[in-house]
Amino acid sequence: MSVEENKAVVGRWFTEFWGKDFNPAVIDELAAPDINFHYSLHEPMAGRDEVRAFATRFREAFPDLNFWGTADLIAEGDYVVGQWEGGGTHTGDVEFTDLPIGSVPAASGKTMRFTGTTILKVVDGLIVEEIGLDDGVKVLQQLGIIPTE
């Protein structure tokens, strides 16, 4: 596939997986069955089922979750890089435990807003790898898990 086609795949993924109007079907449509998915704030995941479970828990905890691009996508070969910003408010009736340390009790009302960069590898129209570096310290501070000073 061309870099423009790869960018279109990633653009759709960012909109439908990470955007405010989550479309769970996009996981089966655009993620490879054995996708490697890793962000600094979460344990590494492998496969569509783990990614789907993660997205479901994240959105149950943060119903207004929304991420959006802050710069044009950059692509070379199979790789596409995107910068983003986003967050949400923890109003869900579930404890949020998908963090490297600590957890947030159900419906804490705490808001997180942070930025990051993601590198995605697209092969034959499917995302085989998504690796992201996010501002995890800021999130842990906003959620009250680590001190701000």
N, C-alpha and C. Protein backbone atom coordinates (compact mmCIF):
# COMPACT_ATOMS: atom_id res chain seq x y z
N MET A 1 0.84 -1.19 0.00
CA MET A 1 0.00 0.00 0.00
C MET A 1 0.88 1.24 0.00
N SER A 2 0.35 2.31 -0.52
CA SER A 2 1.09 3.57 -0.55
C SER A 2 1.06 4.24 0.83
N VAL A 3 1.96 5.19 1.03
CA VAL A 3 1.97 5.91 2.30
C VAL A 3 0.66 6.67 2.49
N GLU A 4 0.07 7.16 1.41
CA GLU A 4 -1.22 7.86 1.54
C GLU A 4 -2.33 6.91 1.97
N GLU A 5 -2.32 5.68 1.45
CA GLU A 5 -3.32 4.69 1.88
C GLU A 5 -3.10 4.32 3.35
N ASN A 6 -1.85 4.19 3.75
CA ASN A 6 -1.56 3.89 5.16
C ASN A 6 -2.02 5.03 6.07
N LYS A 7 -1.78 6.26 5.62
CA LYS A 7 -2.24 7.41 6.40
C LYS A 7 -3.77 7.43 6.50
N ALA A 8 -4.46 7.02 5.45
CA ALA A 8 -5.93 6.96 5.49
C ALA A 8 -6.40 5.91 6.50
N VAL A 9 -5.72 4.77 6.57
CA VAL A 9 -6.06 3.74 7.55
C VAL A 9 -5.90 4.29 8.96
N VAL A 10 -4.76 4.92 9.21
CA VAL A 10 -4.48 5.47 10.54
C VAL A 10 -5.44 6.62 10.86
N GLY A 11 -5.73 7.46 9.89
CA GLY A 11 -6.68 8.55 10.13
C GLY A 11 -8.04 8.02 10.55
N ARG A 12 -8.49 6.97 9.87
CA ARG A 12 -9.77 6.36 10.25
C ARG A 12 -9.69 5.74 11.65
N TRP A 13 -8.58 5.06 11.95
CA TRP A 13 -8.38 4.45 13.27
C TRP A 13 -8.41 5.52 14.36
N PHE A 14 -7.69 6.62 14.15
CA PHE A 14 -7.69 7.69 15.14
C PHE A 14 -9.10 8.24 15.35
N THR A 15 -9.86 8.38 14.29
CA THR A 15 -11.22 8.92 14.40
C THR A 15 -12.18 7.94 15.05
N GLU A 16 -12.15 6.69 14.61
CA GLU A 16 -13.17 5.73 15.06
C GLU A 16 -12.78 4.94 16.30
N PHE A 17 -11.49 4.75 16.55
CA PHE A 17 -11.07 4.04 17.76
C PHE A 17 -10.81 5.02 18.91
N TRP A 18 -10.07 6.08 18.63
CA TRP A 18 -9.67 7.03 19.67
C TRP A 18 -10.59 8.24 19.78
N GLY A 19 -11.38 8.54 18.77
CA GLY A 19 -12.23 9.71 18.78
C GLY A 19 -13.42 9.59 19.72
N LYS A 20 -14.16 10.68 19.86
CA LYS A 20 -15.28 10.71 20.80
C LYS A 20 -16.41 9.75 20.42
N ASP A 21 -16.59 9.49 19.13
CA ASP A 21 -17.64 8.58 18.68
C ASP A 21 -17.04 7.21 18.38
N PHE A 22 -16.73 6.46 19.42
CA PHE A 22 -16.08 5.16 19.33
C PHE A 22 -16.91 4.18 18.49
N ASN A 23 -16.26 3.53 17.55
CA ASN A 23 -16.88 2.50 16.72
C ASN A 23 -16.14 1.19 16.98
N PRO A 24 -16.66 0.31 17.84
CA PRO A 24 -15.95 -0.93 18.16
C PRO A 24 -15.68 -1.81 16.95
N ALA A 25 -16.49 -1.73 15.92
CA ALA A 25 -16.30 -2.55 14.72
C ALA A 25 -14.97 -2.24 14.02
N VAL A 26 -14.43 -1.05 14.24
CA VAL A 26 -13.18 -0.67 13.59
C VAL A 26 -12.03 -1.58 14.03
N ILE A 27 -12.13 -2.17 15.19
CA ILE A 27 -11.07 -3.07 15.67
C ILE A 27 -10.94 -4.26 14.73
N ASP A 28 -12.06 -4.89 14.38
CA ASP A 28 -12.01 -6.04 13.46
C ASP A 28 -11.71 -5.61 12.03
N GLU A 29 -12.06 -4.38 11.68
CA GLU A 29 -11.85 -3.92 10.32
C GLU A 29 -10.42 -3.46 10.05
N LEU A 30 -9.77 -2.83 11.03
CA LEU A 30 -8.46 -2.22 10.77
C LEU A 30 -7.30 -2.79 11.58
N ALA A 31 -7.56 -3.48 12.66
CA ALA A 31 -6.47 -4.05 13.47
C ALA A 31 -6.18 -5.46 12.99
N ALA A 32 -4.91 -5.78 12.86
CA ALA A 32 -4.51 -7.15 12.52
C ALA A 32 -4.94 -8.07 13.67
N PRO A 33 -5.25 -9.33 13.38
CA PRO A 33 -5.67 -10.25 14.44
C PRO A 33 -4.67 -10.33 15.60
N ASP A 34 -3.37 -10.18 15.31
CA ASP A 34 -2.35 -10.28 16.34
C ASP A 34 -1.68 -8.93 16.62
N ILE A 35 -2.43 -7.85 16.51
CA ILE A 35 -1.89 -6.51 16.72
C ILE A 35 -1.09 -6.43 18.01
N ASN A 36 0.05 -5.75 17.93
CA ASN A 36 0.87 -5.44 19.10
C ASN A 36 0.52 -4.01 19.49
N PHE A 37 0.03 -3.80 20.71
CA PHE A 37 -0.53 -2.53 21.15
C PHE A 37 0.10 -2.16 22.48
N HIS A 38 0.83 -1.05 22.52
CA HIS A 38 1.51 -0.69 23.76
C HIS A 38 1.61 0.81 23.93
N TYR A 39 1.17 1.28 25.09
CA TYR A 39 1.33 2.66 25.51
C TYR A 39 2.02 2.67 26.86
N SER A 40 2.76 3.73 27.15
CA SER A 40 3.54 3.79 28.38
C SER A 40 2.66 3.73 29.63
N LEU A 41 1.40 4.10 29.54
CA LEU A 41 0.50 4.06 30.71
C LEU A 41 -0.18 2.70 30.91
N HIS A 42 0.04 1.76 30.00
CA HIS A 42 -0.70 0.49 30.06
C HIS A 42 0.22 -0.69 29.79
N GLU A 43 -0.19 -1.83 30.27
CA GLU A 43 0.54 -3.06 29.97
C GLU A 43 0.46 -3.33 28.47
N PRO A 44 1.50 -3.91 27.89
CA PRO A 44 1.43 -4.27 26.47
C PRO A 44 0.28 -5.26 26.22
N MET A 45 -0.34 -5.12 25.07
CA MET A 45 -1.44 -5.98 24.68
C MET A 45 -1.13 -6.61 23.34
N ALA A 46 -1.71 -7.79 23.11
CA ALA A 46 -1.54 -8.47 21.83
C ALA A 46 -2.89 -9.04 21.41
N GLY A 47 -3.27 -8.74 20.19
CA GLY A 47 -4.50 -9.29 19.63
C GLY A 47 -5.70 -8.39 19.80
N ARG A 48 -6.63 -8.59 18.88
CA ARG A 48 -7.85 -7.77 18.87
C ARG A 48 -8.65 -7.88 20.15
N ASP A 49 -8.75 -9.07 20.73
CA ASP A 49 -9.58 -9.25 21.93
C ASP A 49 -9.04 -8.42 23.09
N GLU A 50 -7.73 -8.41 23.28
CA GLU A 50 -7.15 -7.60 24.37
C GLU A 50 -7.36 -6.11 24.12
N VAL A 51 -7.20 -5.69 22.87
CA VAL A 51 -7.40 -4.27 22.52
C VAL A 51 -8.86 -3.88 22.73
N ARG A 52 -9.77 -4.76 22.34
CA ARG A 52 -11.21 -4.50 22.51
C ARG A 52 -11.56 -4.40 24.00
N ALA A 53 -11.03 -5.31 24.81
CA ALA A 53 -11.30 -5.28 26.26
C ALA A 53 -10.76 -4.00 26.89
N PHE A 54 -9.55 -3.61 26.48
CA PHE A 54 -8.96 -2.37 26.97
C PHE A 54 -9.84 -1.16 26.61
N ALA A 55 -10.23 -1.07 25.33
CA ALA A 55 -11.04 0.07 24.88
C ALA A 55 -12.37 0.11 25.63
N THR A 56 -12.96 -1.03 25.86
CA THR A 56 -14.24 -1.10 26.57
C THR A 56 -14.08 -0.60 28.00
N ARG A 57 -13.06 -1.08 28.72
CA ARG A 57 -12.83 -0.65 30.10
C ARG A 57 -12.52 0.85 30.16
N PHE A 58 -11.68 1.32 29.25
CA PHE A 58 -11.28 2.72 29.24
C PHE A 58 -12.50 3.62 29.03
N ARG A 59 -13.36 3.24 28.12
CA ARG A 59 -14.55 4.06 27.83
C ARG A 59 -15.65 3.89 28.88
N GLU A 60 -15.69 2.77 29.56
CA GLU A 60 -16.62 2.65 30.69
C GLU A 60 -16.21 3.58 31.83
N ALA A 61 -14.91 3.68 32.05
CA ALA A 61 -14.40 4.55 33.12
C ALA A 61 -14.49 6.03 32.73
N PHE A 62 -14.21 6.33 31.46
CA PHE A 62 -14.19 7.71 30.95
C PHE A 62 -15.15 7.81 29.77
N PRO A 63 -16.45 7.92 30.02
CA PRO A 63 -17.43 7.92 28.93
C PRO A 63 -17.25 9.04 27.91
N ASP A 64 -16.63 10.14 28.31
CA ASP A 64 -16.42 11.24 27.37
C ASP A 64 -15.02 11.22 26.74
N LEU A 65 -14.34 10.09 26.83
CA LEU A 65 -12.99 9.95 26.30
C LEU A 65 -12.92 10.42 24.85
N ASN A 66 -11.90 11.19 24.53
CA ASN A 66 -11.75 11.71 23.19
C ASN A 66 -10.29 12.10 22.97
N PHE A 67 -9.74 11.66 21.85
CA PHE A 67 -8.39 12.03 21.44
C PHE A 67 -8.45 12.53 20.01
N TRP A 68 -7.60 13.50 19.67
CA TRP A 68 -7.59 14.06 18.33
C TRP A 68 -6.15 14.41 17.95
N GLY A 69 -5.90 14.41 16.66
CA GLY A 69 -4.58 14.75 16.15
C GLY A 69 -4.29 16.23 16.33
N THR A 70 -3.01 16.54 16.56
CA THR A 70 -2.59 17.92 16.72
C THR A 70 -1.61 18.35 15.64
N ALA A 71 -1.32 17.45 14.70
CA ALA A 71 -0.42 17.76 13.58
C ALA A 71 -0.76 16.79 12.45
N ASP A 72 -0.31 17.10 11.27
CA ASP A 72 -0.50 16.20 10.15
C ASP A 72 0.22 14.88 10.42
N LEU A 73 -0.35 13.78 9.94
CA LEU A 73 0.30 12.49 10.04
C LEU A 73 1.55 12.49 9.17
N ILE A 74 2.57 11.80 9.62
CA ILE A 74 3.82 11.64 8.88
C ILE A 74 3.95 10.17 8.54
N ALA A 75 4.28 9.84 7.29
CA ALA A 75 4.37 8.44 6.90
C ALA A 75 5.61 8.18 6.06
N GLU A 76 6.16 6.99 6.24
CA GLU A 76 7.28 6.50 5.45
C GLU A 76 7.18 4.99 5.43
N GLY A 77 7.11 4.41 4.26
CA GLY A 77 6.99 2.95 4.15
C GLY A 77 5.73 2.47 4.85
N ASP A 78 5.89 1.49 5.74
CA ASP A 78 4.76 0.92 6.47
C ASP A 78 4.40 1.70 7.74
N TYR A 79 5.16 2.73 8.07
CA TYR A 79 4.99 3.43 9.34
C TYR A 79 4.28 4.76 9.18
N VAL A 80 3.39 5.04 10.15
CA VAL A 80 2.69 6.31 10.21
C VAL A 80 2.83 6.83 11.64
N VAL A 81 3.16 8.11 11.78
CA VAL A 81 3.35 8.74 13.09
C VAL A 81 2.32 9.85 13.26
N GLY A 82 1.71 9.87 14.44
CA GLY A 82 0.75 10.92 14.74
C GLY A 82 0.98 11.52 16.11
N GLN A 83 0.79 12.82 16.19
CA GLN A 83 0.80 13.53 17.48
C GLN A 83 -0.65 13.77 17.87
N TRP A 84 -0.95 13.71 19.17
CA TRP A 84 -2.33 13.84 19.59
C TRP A 84 -2.43 14.49 20.97
N GLU A 85 -3.67 14.85 21.27
CA GLU A 85 -4.03 15.38 22.58
C GLU A 85 -5.39 14.79 22.92
N GLY A 86 -5.68 14.67 24.18
CA GLY A 86 -7.01 14.17 24.53
C GLY A 86 -7.14 13.93 26.01
N GLY A 87 -8.20 13.23 26.34
CA GLY A 87 -8.47 12.91 27.73
C GLY A 87 -9.95 12.69 27.96
N GLY A 88 -10.34 12.81 29.21
CA GLY A 88 -11.73 12.61 29.58
C GLY A 88 -11.89 12.75 31.08
N THR A 89 -13.13 12.60 31.53
CA THR A 89 -13.47 12.71 32.95
C THR A 89 -13.96 11.36 33.46
N HIS A 90 -13.42 10.96 34.58
CA HIS A 90 -13.74 9.65 35.15
C HIS A 90 -15.10 9.72 35.87
N THR A 91 -16.15 9.53 35.10
CA THR A 91 -17.52 9.55 35.66
C THR A 91 -18.16 8.17 35.61
N GLY A 92 -17.48 7.20 35.02
CA GLY A 92 -18.03 5.85 34.92
C GLY A 92 -18.11 5.17 36.27
N ASP A 93 -19.06 4.28 36.40
CA ASP A 93 -19.28 3.56 37.65
C ASP A 93 -18.36 2.35 37.80
N VAL A 94 -17.13 2.47 37.32
CA VAL A 94 -16.15 1.40 37.44
C VAL A 94 -14.84 1.98 37.95
N GLU A 95 -14.15 1.18 38.75
CA GLU A 95 -12.82 1.56 39.20
C GLU A 95 -11.88 1.46 38.00
N PHE A 96 -11.01 2.44 37.83
CA PHE A 96 -10.07 2.41 36.72
C PHE A 96 -8.76 1.86 37.23
N THR A 97 -8.42 0.66 36.78
CA THR A 97 -7.23 -0.04 37.26
C THR A 97 -6.18 -0.25 36.18
N ASP A 98 -6.41 0.21 34.96
CA ASP A 98 -5.49 -0.03 33.85
C ASP A 98 -4.33 0.96 33.85
N LEU A 99 -3.64 1.05 34.96
CA LEU A 99 -2.52 1.98 35.10
C LEU A 99 -1.31 1.22 35.65
N PRO A 100 -0.10 1.72 35.42
CA PRO A 100 1.08 1.01 35.92
C PRO A 100 1.17 0.97 37.45
N ILE A 101 0.62 1.99 38.09
CA ILE A 101 0.55 2.02 39.56
C ILE A 101 -0.79 2.61 39.95
N GLY A 102 -1.33 2.15 41.06
CA GLY A 102 -2.54 2.73 41.62
C GLY A 102 -3.78 2.47 40.79
N SER A 103 -4.88 3.00 41.28
CA SER A 103 -6.17 2.91 40.60
C SER A 103 -7.00 4.12 41.02
N VAL A 104 -8.11 4.31 40.34
CA VAL A 104 -8.99 5.43 40.62
C VAL A 104 -10.36 4.84 40.96
N PRO A 105 -10.93 5.18 42.13
CA PRO A 105 -12.23 4.62 42.51
C PRO A 105 -13.33 5.03 41.53
N ALA A 106 -14.36 4.25 41.46
CA ALA A 106 -15.47 4.50 40.54
C ALA A 106 -15.98 5.93 40.64
N ALA A 107 -16.29 6.51 39.48
CA ALA A 107 -16.90 7.83 39.37
C ALA A 107 -16.19 8.88 40.22
N SER A 108 -14.87 8.93 40.11
CA SER A 108 -14.08 9.87 40.92
C SER A 108 -14.30 11.32 40.51
N GLY A 109 -14.73 11.54 39.27
CA GLY A 109 -14.91 12.90 38.77
C GLY A 109 -13.61 13.57 38.35
N LYS A 110 -12.50 12.86 38.44
CA LYS A 110 -11.20 13.44 38.07
C LYS A 110 -11.07 13.51 36.56
N THR A 111 -10.47 14.60 36.10
CA THR A 111 -10.28 14.82 34.67
C THR A 111 -8.81 14.68 34.32
N MET A 112 -8.56 14.03 33.19
CA MET A 112 -7.20 13.94 32.67
C MET A 112 -7.17 14.55 31.28
N ARG A 113 -6.10 15.27 31.01
CA ARG A 113 -5.85 15.82 29.68
C ARG A 113 -4.36 15.73 29.46
N PHE A 114 -3.96 15.10 28.34
CA PHE A 114 -2.55 14.88 28.10
C PHE A 114 -2.27 14.74 26.61
N THR A 115 -0.98 14.67 26.28
CA THR A 115 -0.55 14.59 24.89
C THR A 115 0.33 13.37 24.70
N GLY A 116 0.59 13.06 23.43
CA GLY A 116 1.47 11.95 23.14
C GLY A 116 1.78 11.84 21.66
N THR A 117 2.59 10.86 21.36
CA THR A 117 2.97 10.55 19.99
C THR A 117 2.83 9.05 19.81
N THR A 118 2.28 8.66 18.66
CA THR A 118 2.06 7.25 18.37
C THR A 118 2.68 6.89 17.03
N ILE A 119 3.31 5.71 17.01
CA ILE A 119 3.85 5.15 15.78
C ILE A 119 3.06 3.89 15.47
N LEU A 120 2.49 3.83 14.28
CA LEU A 120 1.71 2.68 13.87
C LEU A 120 2.34 2.06 12.64
N LYS A 121 2.34 0.74 12.60
CA LYS A 121 2.82 0.01 11.43
C LYS A 121 1.61 -0.59 10.73
N VAL A 122 1.48 -0.30 9.43
CA VAL A 122 0.34 -0.77 8.64
C VAL A 122 0.86 -1.70 7.55
N VAL A 123 0.33 -2.92 7.52
CA VAL A 123 0.72 -3.90 6.52
C VAL A 123 -0.55 -4.42 5.85
N ASP A 124 -0.62 -4.30 4.55
CA ASP A 124 -1.78 -4.77 3.77
C ASP A 124 -3.10 -4.21 4.31
N GLY A 125 -3.09 -2.95 4.71
CA GLY A 125 -4.30 -2.28 5.15
C GLY A 125 -4.71 -2.55 6.58
N LEU A 126 -3.89 -3.29 7.33
CA LEU A 126 -4.20 -3.58 8.73
C LEU A 126 -3.10 -3.05 9.64
N ILE A 127 -3.49 -2.56 10.80
CA ILE A 127 -2.53 -2.06 11.78
C ILE A 127 -1.98 -3.26 12.53
N VAL A 128 -0.68 -3.50 12.38
CA VAL A 128 -0.06 -4.64 13.05
C VAL A 128 0.62 -4.24 14.35
N GLU A 129 0.88 -2.93 14.47
CA GLU A 129 1.55 -2.45 15.67
C GLU A 129 1.16 -1.01 15.95
N GLU A 130 0.89 -0.72 17.22
CA GLU A 130 0.63 0.64 17.67
C GLU A 130 1.42 0.85 18.95
N ILE A 131 2.41 1.71 18.88
CA ILE A 131 3.27 1.98 20.02
C ILE A 131 3.17 3.47 20.33
N GLY A 132 2.80 3.80 21.55
CA GLY A 132 2.62 5.20 21.90
C GLY A 132 3.39 5.60 23.13
N LEU A 133 3.86 6.81 23.10
CA LEU A 133 4.49 7.43 24.26
C LEU A 133 3.60 8.58 24.67
N ASP A 134 3.09 8.51 25.90
CA ASP A 134 2.19 9.54 26.38
C ASP A 134 2.74 10.17 27.65
N ASP A 135 2.16 11.27 28.04
CA ASP A 135 2.59 12.01 29.22
C ASP A 135 1.98 11.36 30.47
N GLY A 136 2.47 10.16 30.77
CA GLY A 136 1.92 9.37 31.87
C GLY A 136 2.04 10.01 33.23
N VAL A 137 3.13 10.69 33.49
CA VAL A 137 3.29 11.33 34.80
C VAL A 137 2.18 12.35 35.01
N LYS A 138 1.90 13.14 34.00
CA LYS A 138 0.84 14.14 34.09
C LYS A 138 -0.50 13.48 34.39
N VAL A 139 -0.80 12.37 33.71
CA VAL A 139 -2.07 11.66 33.94
C VAL A 139 -2.14 11.16 35.38
N LEU A 140 -1.07 10.53 35.85
CA LEU A 140 -1.07 10.00 37.22
C LEU A 140 -1.23 11.12 38.24
N GLN A 141 -0.69 12.30 37.95
CA GLN A 141 -0.88 13.44 38.84
C GLN A 141 -2.33 13.93 38.78
N GLN A 142 -2.88 14.05 37.58
CA GLN A 142 -4.25 14.53 37.45
C GLN A 142 -5.25 13.59 38.11
N LEU A 143 -4.96 12.30 38.09
CA LEU A 143 -5.87 11.32 38.69
C LEU A 143 -5.62 11.16 40.19
N GLY A 144 -4.64 11.88 40.74
CA GLY A 144 -4.38 11.86 42.17
C GLY A 144 -3.62 10.65 42.65
N ILE A 145 -2.91 9.96 41.76
CA ILE A 145 -2.19 8.75 42.14
C ILE A 145 -0.78 9.08 42.61
N ILE A 146 -0.17 10.09 42.02
CA ILE A 146 1.14 10.56 42.48
C ILE A 146 1.01 12.07 42.75
N PRO A 147 1.86 12.58 43.66
CA PRO A 147 1.76 14.01 44.00
C PRO A 147 2.20 14.90 42.85
N THR A 148 1.70 16.11 42.86
CA THR A 148 2.05 17.08 41.82
C THR A 148 3.36 17.80 42.12
N GLU A 149 3.88 17.65 43.29
CA GLU A 149 5.16 18.33 43.64
C GLU A 149 6.21 17.34 43.99
